[in-house]
Amino acid sequence: MTSNYDNSAIFYDRLSRLVFGDALVKAQIYLLRFVPPNSSVLIVGGGTGWILEELSAIHYSGLQITYVEISSQMTALAKKRFTGINKVTYINEAIENTTLNTLYDVLITPFLLDNFTEDTLQKTFSHMHHQLKPKGLWLCADFQITGGLWQKVMLKTMYLLFKIVCRIETLKMPNIEAQFVKYRYRPLKSKTFYGDFMISRTWEKVGE
């Protein structure tokens, strides 16, 4: 089963702000400062595309951006966003089914990797890993469990909601960090948000 956020496209941003305030947004904006000028950027699962406007506020020009989003409704909204004079290519497809002929300087996955089962994550991670240049940066924002019961309850509730509405394939958080360790990524910078429930990390691709 492939998840698809078409059913939540209209209300997703409003819902996230209602539940998390501006924490979800801040967690992603934090990562954008690490995008170098004049770089090639692959954004996977960017949703409604507001992240494009934030990125273009930092780099008005010079970026080559590929925006991969499985939801056609989300992609349609993303295409309406202001992107400065950066070059943006939109691909409405699941990243694991996408063949890209470019290696990127930066890969951004904003709250994407927690949508997969352990098995699917391993395959999808490998696919994305091979799209990143050596010494490239993987900017990842996602949820994490640091021990609080409230985190476990909230995460379970979120999974159940999006299982029903968006047909996500899992009800359990996969081990995201293990994949970065497996592929020999080096952690550079990180910051937590919303009581450590969210973590934004900058990883450098060390090995091939």
N, C-alpha and C. Protein backbone atom coordinates (compact mmCIF):
# COMPACT_ATOMS: atom_id res chain seq x y z
N MET A 1 0.84 -1.20 0.00
CA MET A 1 0.00 0.00 0.00
C MET A 1 0.87 1.24 0.00
N THR A 2 0.60 2.18 -0.89
CA THR A 2 1.37 3.41 -1.00
C THR A 2 0.60 4.56 -0.39
N SER A 3 1.25 5.28 0.51
CA SER A 3 0.59 6.42 1.13
C SER A 3 0.43 7.54 0.12
N ASN A 4 -0.63 8.33 0.31
CA ASN A 4 -0.87 9.45 -0.57
C ASN A 4 -1.66 10.50 0.21
N TYR A 5 -1.13 11.72 0.22
CA TYR A 5 -1.71 12.78 1.05
C TYR A 5 -2.71 13.66 0.29
N ASP A 6 -3.25 13.17 -0.82
CA ASP A 6 -4.25 13.94 -1.56
C ASP A 6 -5.42 14.33 -0.67
N ASN A 7 -5.88 13.40 0.15
CA ASN A 7 -7.07 13.64 0.97
C ASN A 7 -6.86 14.71 2.03
N SER A 8 -5.59 15.01 2.34
CA SER A 8 -5.32 15.99 3.39
C SER A 8 -4.68 17.27 2.86
N ALA A 9 -4.56 17.38 1.55
CA ALA A 9 -3.83 18.50 0.95
C ALA A 9 -4.39 19.86 1.37
N ILE A 10 -5.71 19.98 1.38
CA ILE A 10 -6.35 21.26 1.66
C ILE A 10 -6.15 21.69 3.11
N PHE A 11 -6.19 20.74 4.04
CA PHE A 11 -6.16 21.11 5.45
C PHE A 11 -4.87 20.74 6.16
N TYR A 12 -3.91 20.12 5.47
CA TYR A 12 -2.72 19.58 6.14
C TYR A 12 -1.94 20.66 6.88
N ASP A 13 -1.64 21.76 6.22
CA ASP A 13 -0.85 22.81 6.87
C ASP A 13 -1.58 23.40 8.06
N ARG A 14 -2.89 23.63 7.91
CA ARG A 14 -3.67 24.19 9.02
C ARG A 14 -3.73 23.21 10.19
N LEU A 15 -3.86 21.92 9.88
CA LEU A 15 -3.92 20.91 10.94
C LEU A 15 -2.60 20.84 11.69
N SER A 16 -1.49 20.88 10.97
CA SER A 16 -0.19 20.79 11.62
C SER A 16 0.05 21.98 12.55
N ARG A 17 -0.42 23.17 12.11
CA ARG A 17 -0.27 24.35 12.96
C ARG A 17 -1.18 24.28 14.18
N LEU A 18 -2.36 23.70 14.00
CA LEU A 18 -3.29 23.55 15.11
C LEU A 18 -2.72 22.63 16.18
N VAL A 19 -2.08 21.56 15.75
CA VAL A 19 -1.55 20.56 16.69
C VAL A 19 -0.19 20.98 17.25
N PHE A 20 0.70 21.44 16.37
CA PHE A 20 2.09 21.69 16.78
C PHE A 20 2.48 23.16 16.83
N GLY A 21 1.54 24.07 16.56
CA GLY A 21 1.91 25.47 16.48
C GLY A 21 2.84 25.67 15.29
N ASP A 22 3.93 26.40 15.51
CA ASP A 22 4.87 26.63 14.42
C ASP A 22 6.10 25.72 14.49
N ALA A 23 6.05 24.71 15.38
CA ALA A 23 7.22 23.84 15.59
C ALA A 23 7.57 23.05 14.34
N LEU A 24 6.56 22.52 13.64
CA LEU A 24 6.80 21.73 12.43
C LEU A 24 7.48 22.58 11.36
N VAL A 25 7.05 23.82 11.26
CA VAL A 25 7.63 24.75 10.29
C VAL A 25 9.05 25.11 10.69
N LYS A 26 9.25 25.45 11.96
CA LYS A 26 10.58 25.83 12.44
C LYS A 26 11.59 24.72 12.26
N ALA A 27 11.15 23.48 12.46
CA ALA A 27 12.05 22.33 12.32
C ALA A 27 12.59 22.21 10.91
N GLN A 28 11.76 22.59 9.94
CA GLN A 28 12.19 22.52 8.54
C GLN A 28 12.99 23.75 8.13
N ILE A 29 12.56 24.91 8.57
CA ILE A 29 13.27 26.15 8.24
C ILE A 29 14.70 26.11 8.79
N TYR A 30 14.88 25.52 9.95
CA TYR A 30 16.21 25.40 10.54
C TYR A 30 17.20 24.76 9.58
N LEU A 31 16.73 23.78 8.82
CA LEU A 31 17.62 23.03 7.93
C LEU A 31 18.03 23.84 6.69
N LEU A 32 17.20 24.77 6.28
CA LEU A 32 17.44 25.46 5.01
C LEU A 32 18.69 26.33 5.02
N ARG A 33 19.15 26.72 6.20
CA ARG A 33 20.36 27.54 6.29
C ARG A 33 21.60 26.78 5.82
N PHE A 34 21.50 25.46 5.76
CA PHE A 34 22.65 24.64 5.38
C PHE A 34 22.72 24.37 3.88
N VAL A 35 21.74 24.87 3.14
CA VAL A 35 21.77 24.72 1.68
C VAL A 35 22.75 25.71 1.09
N PRO A 36 23.81 25.25 0.41
CA PRO A 36 24.80 26.17 -0.14
C PRO A 36 24.24 26.92 -1.35
N PRO A 37 24.79 28.10 -1.63
CA PRO A 37 24.39 28.83 -2.84
C PRO A 37 24.72 28.02 -4.09
N ASN A 38 23.94 28.24 -5.13
CA ASN A 38 24.21 27.64 -6.45
C ASN A 38 24.34 26.12 -6.40
N SER A 39 23.52 25.49 -5.59
CA SER A 39 23.58 24.04 -5.45
C SER A 39 22.37 23.38 -6.10
N SER A 40 22.51 22.08 -6.34
CA SER A 40 21.39 21.28 -6.82
C SER A 40 20.72 20.63 -5.62
N VAL A 41 19.40 20.75 -5.55
CA VAL A 41 18.65 20.35 -4.36
C VAL A 41 17.52 19.40 -4.74
N LEU A 42 17.44 18.28 -4.06
CA LEU A 42 16.34 17.34 -4.22
C LEU A 42 15.48 17.39 -2.97
N ILE A 43 14.23 17.79 -3.13
CA ILE A 43 13.28 17.83 -2.01
C ILE A 43 12.27 16.71 -2.23
N VAL A 44 12.16 15.83 -1.25
CA VAL A 44 11.26 14.68 -1.37
C VAL A 44 10.19 14.76 -0.28
N GLY A 45 8.93 14.78 -0.71
CA GLY A 45 7.84 14.84 0.25
C GLY A 45 7.65 16.23 0.84
N GLY A 46 7.77 17.24 0.00
CA GLY A 46 7.67 18.62 0.48
C GLY A 46 6.27 19.12 0.71
N GLY A 47 5.28 18.30 0.40
CA GLY A 47 3.90 18.69 0.68
C GLY A 47 3.41 19.85 -0.17
N THR A 48 2.79 20.83 0.47
CA THR A 48 2.14 21.93 -0.24
C THR A 48 3.13 22.95 -0.80
N GLY A 49 4.40 22.79 -0.50
CA GLY A 49 5.42 23.60 -1.14
C GLY A 49 5.81 24.88 -0.46
N TRP A 50 5.30 25.14 0.75
CA TRP A 50 5.70 26.37 1.42
C TRP A 50 7.20 26.40 1.65
N ILE A 51 7.83 25.23 1.75
CA ILE A 51 9.28 25.17 1.97
C ILE A 51 10.03 25.79 0.78
N LEU A 52 9.43 25.76 -0.40
CA LEU A 52 10.05 26.39 -1.57
C LEU A 52 10.14 27.90 -1.39
N GLU A 53 9.11 28.49 -0.82
CA GLU A 53 9.12 29.93 -0.59
C GLU A 53 10.16 30.30 0.45
N GLU A 54 10.28 29.50 1.49
CA GLU A 54 11.27 29.76 2.53
C GLU A 54 12.69 29.61 1.98
N LEU A 55 12.90 28.61 1.15
CA LEU A 55 14.21 28.40 0.55
C LEU A 55 14.56 29.53 -0.41
N SER A 56 13.58 30.01 -1.16
CA SER A 56 13.80 31.09 -2.11
C SER A 56 14.02 32.44 -1.41
N ALA A 57 13.56 32.53 -0.17
CA ALA A 57 13.83 33.74 0.60
C ALA A 57 15.31 33.81 1.00
N ILE A 58 15.94 32.64 1.09
CA ILE A 58 17.37 32.57 1.41
C ILE A 58 18.20 32.65 0.14
N HIS A 59 17.78 31.90 -0.88
CA HIS A 59 18.47 31.87 -2.17
C HIS A 59 17.46 32.25 -3.26
N TYR A 60 17.46 33.52 -3.63
CA TYR A 60 16.50 34.00 -4.64
C TYR A 60 16.79 33.41 -6.01
N SER A 61 18.04 33.06 -6.24
CA SER A 61 18.43 32.51 -7.53
C SER A 61 19.58 31.53 -7.34
N GLY A 62 19.89 30.81 -8.40
CA GLY A 62 21.07 29.96 -8.40
C GLY A 62 20.84 28.51 -8.07
N LEU A 63 19.66 28.16 -7.57
CA LEU A 63 19.41 26.77 -7.19
C LEU A 63 18.76 26.00 -8.33
N GLN A 64 19.13 24.74 -8.44
CA GLN A 64 18.47 23.79 -9.34
C GLN A 64 17.71 22.82 -8.43
N ILE A 65 16.40 22.96 -8.38
CA ILE A 65 15.58 22.20 -7.42
C ILE A 65 14.73 21.17 -8.14
N THR A 66 14.76 19.94 -7.64
CA THR A 66 13.83 18.91 -8.08
C THR A 66 12.89 18.62 -6.92
N TYR A 67 11.59 18.77 -7.18
CA TYR A 67 10.58 18.66 -6.12
C TYR A 67 9.75 17.41 -6.39
N VAL A 68 9.96 16.38 -5.57
CA VAL A 68 9.27 15.10 -5.76
C VAL A 68 8.20 14.95 -4.68
N GLU A 69 6.96 14.80 -5.11
CA GLU A 69 5.83 14.69 -4.18
C GLU A 69 4.81 13.72 -4.76
N ILE A 70 4.43 12.72 -3.99
CA ILE A 70 3.53 11.67 -4.47
C ILE A 70 2.10 12.17 -4.64
N SER A 71 1.70 13.16 -3.85
CA SER A 71 0.33 13.67 -3.91
C SER A 71 0.16 14.67 -5.04
N SER A 72 -0.76 14.41 -5.94
CA SER A 72 -1.01 15.34 -7.05
C SER A 72 -1.61 16.65 -6.54
N GLN A 73 -2.43 16.57 -5.50
CA GLN A 73 -3.02 17.78 -4.93
C GLN A 73 -1.96 18.65 -4.26
N MET A 74 -1.06 18.01 -3.53
CA MET A 74 0.04 18.75 -2.91
C MET A 74 0.94 19.37 -3.98
N THR A 75 1.22 18.61 -5.03
CA THR A 75 2.07 19.11 -6.11
C THR A 75 1.45 20.33 -6.78
N ALA A 76 0.14 20.28 -7.00
CA ALA A 76 -0.57 21.41 -7.62
C ALA A 76 -0.43 22.67 -6.77
N LEU A 77 -0.53 22.51 -5.47
CA LEU A 77 -0.37 23.65 -4.57
C LEU A 77 1.07 24.15 -4.58
N ALA A 78 2.02 23.22 -4.62
CA ALA A 78 3.43 23.59 -4.63
C ALA A 78 3.80 24.41 -5.86
N LYS A 79 3.18 24.10 -6.99
CA LYS A 79 3.49 24.80 -8.24
C LYS A 79 3.06 26.26 -8.21
N LYS A 80 2.20 26.61 -7.28
CA LYS A 80 1.73 27.99 -7.16
C LYS A 80 2.63 28.84 -6.26
N ARG A 81 3.61 28.21 -5.64
CA ARG A 81 4.48 28.92 -4.71
C ARG A 81 5.51 29.79 -5.42
N PHE A 82 5.91 30.85 -4.74
CA PHE A 82 6.95 31.73 -5.26
C PHE A 82 8.30 31.05 -5.08
N THR A 83 9.09 30.99 -6.14
CA THR A 83 10.39 30.31 -6.07
C THR A 83 11.53 31.19 -6.55
N GLY A 84 11.32 32.50 -6.56
CA GLY A 84 12.35 33.40 -7.04
C GLY A 84 12.64 33.11 -8.50
N ILE A 85 13.92 33.14 -8.87
CA ILE A 85 14.30 32.75 -10.23
C ILE A 85 15.15 31.47 -10.20
N ASN A 86 14.89 30.66 -9.17
CA ASN A 86 15.48 29.33 -9.13
C ASN A 86 14.78 28.44 -10.15
N LYS A 87 15.47 27.45 -10.64
CA LYS A 87 14.87 26.50 -11.58
C LYS A 87 14.29 25.34 -10.78
N VAL A 88 12.98 25.11 -10.91
CA VAL A 88 12.31 24.05 -10.16
C VAL A 88 11.66 23.07 -11.12
N THR A 89 11.95 21.80 -10.94
CA THR A 89 11.31 20.73 -11.69
C THR A 89 10.42 19.96 -10.74
N TYR A 90 9.14 19.81 -11.10
CA TYR A 90 8.17 19.13 -10.24
C TYR A 90 7.93 17.71 -10.77
N ILE A 91 7.99 16.75 -9.87
CA ILE A 91 7.73 15.36 -10.23
C ILE A 91 6.67 14.81 -9.29
N ASN A 92 5.51 14.47 -9.85
CA ASN A 92 4.41 13.92 -9.07
C ASN A 92 4.50 12.40 -9.10
N GLU A 93 5.29 11.85 -8.18
CA GLU A 93 5.56 10.42 -8.16
C GLU A 93 6.18 10.04 -6.83
N ALA A 94 6.05 8.78 -6.46
CA ALA A 94 6.76 8.29 -5.28
C ALA A 94 8.25 8.25 -5.60
N ILE A 95 9.08 8.68 -4.67
CA ILE A 95 10.51 8.78 -4.94
C ILE A 95 11.11 7.42 -5.29
N GLU A 96 10.60 6.36 -4.70
CA GLU A 96 11.17 5.03 -4.97
C GLU A 96 10.87 4.56 -6.40
N ASN A 97 9.90 5.21 -7.05
CA ASN A 97 9.55 4.87 -8.44
C ASN A 97 10.11 5.89 -9.44
N THR A 98 10.91 6.82 -8.94
CA THR A 98 11.40 7.91 -9.76
C THR A 98 12.84 7.66 -10.19
N THR A 99 13.09 7.78 -11.48
CA THR A 99 14.45 7.67 -12.01
C THR A 99 14.97 9.05 -12.31
N LEU A 100 16.01 9.44 -11.60
CA LEU A 100 16.60 10.76 -11.77
C LEU A 100 18.02 10.60 -12.33
N ASN A 101 18.35 11.41 -13.31
CA ASN A 101 19.65 11.31 -13.97
C ASN A 101 20.64 12.34 -13.45
N THR A 102 20.37 12.85 -12.27
CA THR A 102 21.20 13.88 -11.66
C THR A 102 21.65 13.44 -10.28
N LEU A 103 22.87 13.80 -9.93
CA LEU A 103 23.33 13.66 -8.55
C LEU A 103 23.24 15.03 -7.89
N TYR A 104 22.76 15.06 -6.66
CA TYR A 104 22.44 16.32 -6.01
C TYR A 104 23.44 16.67 -4.91
N ASP A 105 23.59 17.98 -4.70
CA ASP A 105 24.43 18.48 -3.60
C ASP A 105 23.72 18.35 -2.27
N VAL A 106 22.40 18.49 -2.31
CA VAL A 106 21.59 18.50 -1.09
C VAL A 106 20.32 17.68 -1.29
N LEU A 107 19.98 16.89 -0.29
CA LEU A 107 18.73 16.14 -0.27
C LEU A 107 17.96 16.54 0.97
N ILE A 108 16.71 16.94 0.80
CA ILE A 108 15.87 17.36 1.92
C ILE A 108 14.68 16.42 2.04
N THR A 109 14.51 15.81 3.22
CA THR A 109 13.34 14.96 3.48
C THR A 109 12.62 15.50 4.72
N PRO A 110 11.62 16.35 4.53
CA PRO A 110 10.91 16.97 5.65
C PRO A 110 9.75 16.10 6.15
N PHE A 111 9.95 15.44 7.27
CA PHE A 111 8.94 14.59 7.88
C PHE A 111 8.40 13.57 6.88
N LEU A 112 9.32 12.89 6.23
CA LEU A 112 9.00 11.89 5.22
C LEU A 112 9.28 10.47 5.69
N LEU A 113 10.44 10.25 6.27
CA LEU A 113 10.93 8.89 6.50
C LEU A 113 10.11 8.11 7.52
N ASP A 114 9.36 8.81 8.36
CA ASP A 114 8.54 8.10 9.35
C ASP A 114 7.27 7.52 8.75
N ASN A 115 7.06 7.72 7.44
CA ASN A 115 5.88 7.18 6.76
C ASN A 115 6.04 5.73 6.33
N PHE A 116 7.26 5.20 6.43
CA PHE A 116 7.56 3.89 5.86
C PHE A 116 7.67 2.80 6.92
N THR A 117 7.40 1.58 6.48
CA THR A 117 7.74 0.43 7.32
C THR A 117 9.25 0.28 7.31
N GLU A 118 9.77 -0.56 8.16
CA GLU A 118 11.21 -0.78 8.22
C GLU A 118 11.75 -1.28 6.88
N ASP A 119 11.06 -2.22 6.27
CA ASP A 119 11.51 -2.78 4.99
C ASP A 119 11.48 -1.75 3.88
N THR A 120 10.38 -1.00 3.80
CA THR A 120 10.25 0.00 2.75
C THR A 120 11.25 1.13 2.94
N LEU A 121 11.49 1.50 4.19
CA LEU A 121 12.46 2.55 4.47
C LEU A 121 13.84 2.16 3.96
N GLN A 122 14.24 0.93 4.19
CA GLN A 122 15.56 0.48 3.75
C GLN A 122 15.70 0.60 2.23
N LYS A 123 14.67 0.21 1.49
CA LYS A 123 14.72 0.29 0.03
C LYS A 123 14.69 1.74 -0.45
N THR A 124 13.82 2.54 0.15
CA THR A 124 13.67 3.93 -0.27
C THR A 124 14.91 4.74 0.11
N PHE A 125 15.45 4.48 1.28
CA PHE A 125 16.65 5.18 1.72
C PHE A 125 17.80 4.91 0.76
N SER A 126 17.97 3.64 0.39
CA SER A 126 19.03 3.26 -0.54
C SER A 126 18.87 3.99 -1.87
N HIS A 127 17.64 4.07 -2.34
CA HIS A 127 17.36 4.74 -3.61
C HIS A 127 17.75 6.22 -3.54
N MET A 128 17.38 6.89 -2.46
CA MET A 128 17.70 8.30 -2.31
C MET A 128 19.20 8.51 -2.08
N HIS A 129 19.80 7.62 -1.33
CA HIS A 129 21.23 7.69 -1.04
C HIS A 129 22.05 7.78 -2.33
N HIS A 130 21.64 7.03 -3.32
CA HIS A 130 22.39 7.00 -4.58
C HIS A 130 22.12 8.22 -5.47
N GLN A 131 21.21 9.10 -5.03
CA GLN A 131 20.97 10.34 -5.76
C GLN A 131 21.82 11.49 -5.22
N LEU A 132 22.53 11.23 -4.13
CA LEU A 132 23.29 12.29 -3.46
C LEU A 132 24.77 12.17 -3.80
N LYS A 133 25.39 13.30 -4.08
CA LYS A 133 26.82 13.32 -4.40
C LYS A 133 27.65 12.95 -3.17
N PRO A 134 28.85 12.40 -3.36
CA PRO A 134 29.78 12.25 -2.23
C PRO A 134 30.02 13.61 -1.58
N LYS A 135 30.03 13.63 -0.27
CA LYS A 135 30.14 14.85 0.53
C LYS A 135 28.88 15.71 0.47
N GLY A 136 27.83 15.17 -0.16
CA GLY A 136 26.56 15.88 -0.20
C GLY A 136 25.91 15.91 1.17
N LEU A 137 24.94 16.80 1.34
CA LEU A 137 24.24 16.97 2.61
C LEU A 137 22.83 16.41 2.53
N TRP A 138 22.47 15.62 3.53
CA TRP A 138 21.10 15.12 3.66
C TRP A 138 20.48 15.85 4.85
N LEU A 139 19.49 16.69 4.59
CA LEU A 139 18.82 17.46 5.62
C LEU A 139 17.51 16.78 5.96
N CYS A 140 17.43 16.26 7.17
CA CYS A 140 16.30 15.41 7.56
C CYS A 140 15.61 15.95 8.80
N ALA A 141 14.31 16.19 8.69
CA ALA A 141 13.48 16.55 9.84
C ALA A 141 12.47 15.44 10.06
N ASP A 142 12.35 14.98 11.28
CA ASP A 142 11.40 13.91 11.56
C ASP A 142 11.07 13.86 13.04
N PHE A 143 10.12 13.01 13.36
CA PHE A 143 9.75 12.80 14.75
C PHE A 143 10.71 11.82 15.40
N GLN A 144 10.74 11.84 16.73
CA GLN A 144 11.52 10.87 17.48
C GLN A 144 10.86 10.64 18.84
N ILE A 145 11.13 9.49 19.40
CA ILE A 145 10.64 9.18 20.74
C ILE A 145 11.83 9.22 21.69
N THR A 146 11.76 10.11 22.67
CA THR A 146 12.85 10.25 23.63
C THR A 146 12.48 9.75 25.02
N GLY A 147 11.34 9.07 25.12
CA GLY A 147 10.97 8.46 26.39
C GLY A 147 9.67 8.95 27.01
N GLY A 148 9.19 10.10 26.56
CA GLY A 148 7.97 10.63 27.15
C GLY A 148 6.72 9.87 26.72
N LEU A 149 5.85 9.56 27.66
CA LEU A 149 4.61 8.85 27.35
C LEU A 149 3.74 9.67 26.41
N TRP A 150 3.72 10.99 26.60
CA TRP A 150 2.91 11.85 25.74
C TRP A 150 3.36 11.75 24.29
N GLN A 151 4.66 11.57 24.07
CA GLN A 151 5.16 11.43 22.71
C GLN A 151 4.63 10.15 22.07
N LYS A 152 4.64 9.07 22.83
CA LYS A 152 4.17 7.79 22.30
C LYS A 152 2.69 7.84 21.98
N VAL A 153 1.91 8.49 22.86
CA VAL A 153 0.46 8.61 22.63
C VAL A 153 0.18 9.48 21.41
N MET A 154 0.88 10.60 21.31
CA MET A 154 0.67 11.50 20.17
C MET A 154 1.08 10.84 18.87
N LEU A 155 2.20 10.13 18.88
CA LEU A 155 2.67 9.47 17.66
C LEU A 155 1.70 8.39 17.21
N LYS A 156 1.20 7.62 18.16
CA LYS A 156 0.24 6.57 17.84
C LYS A 156 -1.03 7.16 17.25
N THR A 157 -1.49 8.26 17.83
CA THR A 157 -2.69 8.94 17.33
C THR A 157 -2.48 9.45 15.91
N MET A 158 -1.31 10.03 15.65
CA MET A 158 -0.99 10.54 14.32
C MET A 158 -0.98 9.41 13.29
N TYR A 159 -0.35 8.30 13.66
CA TYR A 159 -0.29 7.17 12.74
C TYR A 159 -1.69 6.63 12.41
N LEU A 160 -2.53 6.53 13.42
CA LEU A 160 -3.89 6.04 13.19
C LEU A 160 -4.68 6.98 12.29
N LEU A 161 -4.54 8.29 12.51
CA LEU A 161 -5.24 9.28 11.70
C LEU A 161 -4.83 9.19 10.24
N PHE A 162 -3.52 9.18 10.01
CA PHE A 162 -3.04 9.19 8.62
C PHE A 162 -3.13 7.81 7.97
N LYS A 163 -3.25 6.78 8.78
CA LYS A 163 -3.53 5.45 8.22
C LYS A 163 -4.92 5.45 7.59
N ILE A 164 -5.87 6.09 8.25
CA ILE A 164 -7.25 6.15 7.77
C ILE A 164 -7.39 7.12 6.60
N VAL A 165 -6.84 8.33 6.78
CA VAL A 165 -7.05 9.40 5.81
C VAL A 165 -6.16 9.26 4.58
N CYS A 166 -4.89 8.89 4.81
CA CYS A 166 -3.90 8.94 3.72
C CYS A 166 -3.31 7.58 3.37
N ARG A 167 -3.77 6.54 4.02
CA ARG A 167 -3.33 5.18 3.72
C ARG A 167 -1.83 4.98 3.90
N ILE A 168 -1.23 5.64 4.90
CA ILE A 168 0.18 5.37 5.14
C ILE A 168 0.32 3.91 5.53
N GLU A 169 1.50 3.33 5.26
CA GLU A 169 1.65 1.88 5.34
C GLU A 169 2.06 1.37 6.70
N THR A 170 2.37 2.25 7.63
CA THR A 170 2.89 1.79 8.91
C THR A 170 2.15 2.40 10.08
N LEU A 171 2.23 1.75 11.21
CA LEU A 171 1.71 2.27 12.48
C LEU A 171 2.82 2.37 13.51
N LYS A 172 4.06 2.23 13.03
CA LYS A 172 5.21 2.19 13.94
C LYS A 172 6.37 2.97 13.34
N MET A 173 7.05 3.72 14.18
CA MET A 173 8.19 4.50 13.73
C MET A 173 9.35 3.58 13.35
N PRO A 174 9.85 3.68 12.11
CA PRO A 174 11.02 2.88 11.73
C PRO A 174 12.30 3.47 12.34
N ASN A 175 13.36 2.72 12.29
CA ASN A 175 14.65 3.18 12.85
C ASN A 175 15.38 3.99 11.79
N ILE A 176 15.10 5.28 11.77
CA ILE A 176 15.65 6.17 10.74
C ILE A 176 17.15 6.35 10.92
N GLU A 177 17.58 6.59 12.13
CA GLU A 177 18.99 6.85 12.38
C GLU A 177 19.87 5.68 11.95
N ALA A 178 19.34 4.46 12.09
CA ALA A 178 20.12 3.27 11.73
C ALA A 178 20.50 3.27 10.26
N GLN A 179 19.66 3.85 9.42
CA GLN A 179 19.96 3.91 8.00
C GLN A 179 21.11 4.86 7.70
N PHE A 180 21.14 5.98 8.40
CA PHE A 180 22.25 6.91 8.23
C PHE A 180 23.56 6.30 8.71
N VAL A 181 23.49 5.55 9.77
CA VAL A 181 24.69 4.86 10.28
C VAL A 181 25.14 3.79 9.28
N LYS A 182 24.19 3.03 8.77
CA LYS A 182 24.50 1.95 7.82
C LYS A 182 25.23 2.48 6.59
N TYR A 183 24.79 3.63 6.09
CA TYR A 183 25.39 4.19 4.88
C TYR A 183 26.50 5.19 5.18
N ARG A 184 26.97 5.20 6.40
CA ARG A 184 28.16 5.95 6.80
C ARG A 184 28.00 7.45 6.62
N TYR A 185 26.88 7.99 7.08
CA TYR A 185 26.71 9.43 7.08
C TYR A 185 27.27 10.01 8.38
N ARG A 186 27.81 11.19 8.27
CA ARG A 186 28.39 11.86 9.43
C ARG A 186 27.45 12.96 9.91
N PRO A 187 27.01 12.91 11.17
CA PRO A 187 26.13 13.97 11.67
C PRO A 187 26.91 15.26 11.87
N LEU A 188 26.35 16.37 11.38
CA LEU A 188 27.01 17.66 11.50
C LEU A 188 26.33 18.56 12.52
N LYS A 189 25.07 18.91 12.25
CA LYS A 189 24.33 19.80 13.13
C LYS A 189 22.95 19.21 13.41
N SER A 190 22.42 19.51 14.58
CA SER A 190 21.06 19.05 14.89
C SER A 190 20.40 19.99 15.89
N LYS A 191 19.09 19.98 15.87
CA LYS A 191 18.31 20.78 16.82
C LYS A 191 16.97 20.10 17.02
N THR A 192 16.48 20.13 18.25
CA THR A 192 15.20 19.51 18.55
C THR A 192 14.13 20.59 18.75
N PHE A 193 12.88 20.16 18.57
CA PHE A 193 11.74 21.06 18.67
C PHE A 193 10.59 20.34 19.37
N TYR A 194 9.66 21.10 19.88
CA TYR A 194 8.43 20.58 20.47
C TYR A 194 8.74 19.53 21.55
N GLY A 195 9.51 19.94 22.53
CA GLY A 195 9.84 19.04 23.62
C GLY A 195 10.62 17.82 23.19
N ASP A 196 11.54 18.00 22.24
CA ASP A 196 12.38 16.92 21.70
C ASP A 196 11.60 15.91 20.87
N PHE A 197 10.34 16.19 20.56
CA PHE A 197 9.53 15.26 19.77
C PHE A 197 9.91 15.32 18.29
N MET A 198 10.51 16.42 17.88
CA MET A 198 10.98 16.58 16.51
C MET A 198 12.48 16.83 16.53
N ILE A 199 13.17 16.30 15.54
CA ILE A 199 14.60 16.53 15.43
C ILE A 199 14.96 16.85 13.99
N SER A 200 15.75 17.90 13.82
CA SER A 200 16.26 18.29 12.50
C SER A 200 17.76 18.06 12.50
N ARG A 201 18.22 17.30 11.50
CA ARG A 201 19.64 16.95 11.46
C ARG A 201 20.23 17.19 10.08
N THR A 202 21.48 17.60 10.09
CA THR A 202 22.26 17.72 8.86
C THR A 202 23.28 16.59 8.85
N TRP A 203 23.18 15.75 7.82
CA TRP A 203 24.08 14.61 7.67
C TRP A 203 24.95 14.81 6.42
N GLU A 204 26.20 14.44 6.52
CA GLU A 204 27.10 14.49 5.37
C GLU A 204 27.37 13.09 4.86
N LYS A 205 27.25 12.91 3.57
CA LYS A 205 27.52 11.62 2.95
C LYS A 205 29.02 11.39 2.88
N VAL A 206 29.50 10.44 3.64
CA VAL A 206 30.93 10.17 3.70
C VAL A 206 31.32 9.05 2.74
N GLY A 207 30.59 7.94 2.81
CA GLY A 207 30.88 6.80 1.94
C GLY A 207 29.95 6.74 0.75
N GLU A 208 30.23 5.83 -0.14
CA GLU A 208 29.39 5.65 -1.33
C GLU A 208 28.51 4.42 -1.16
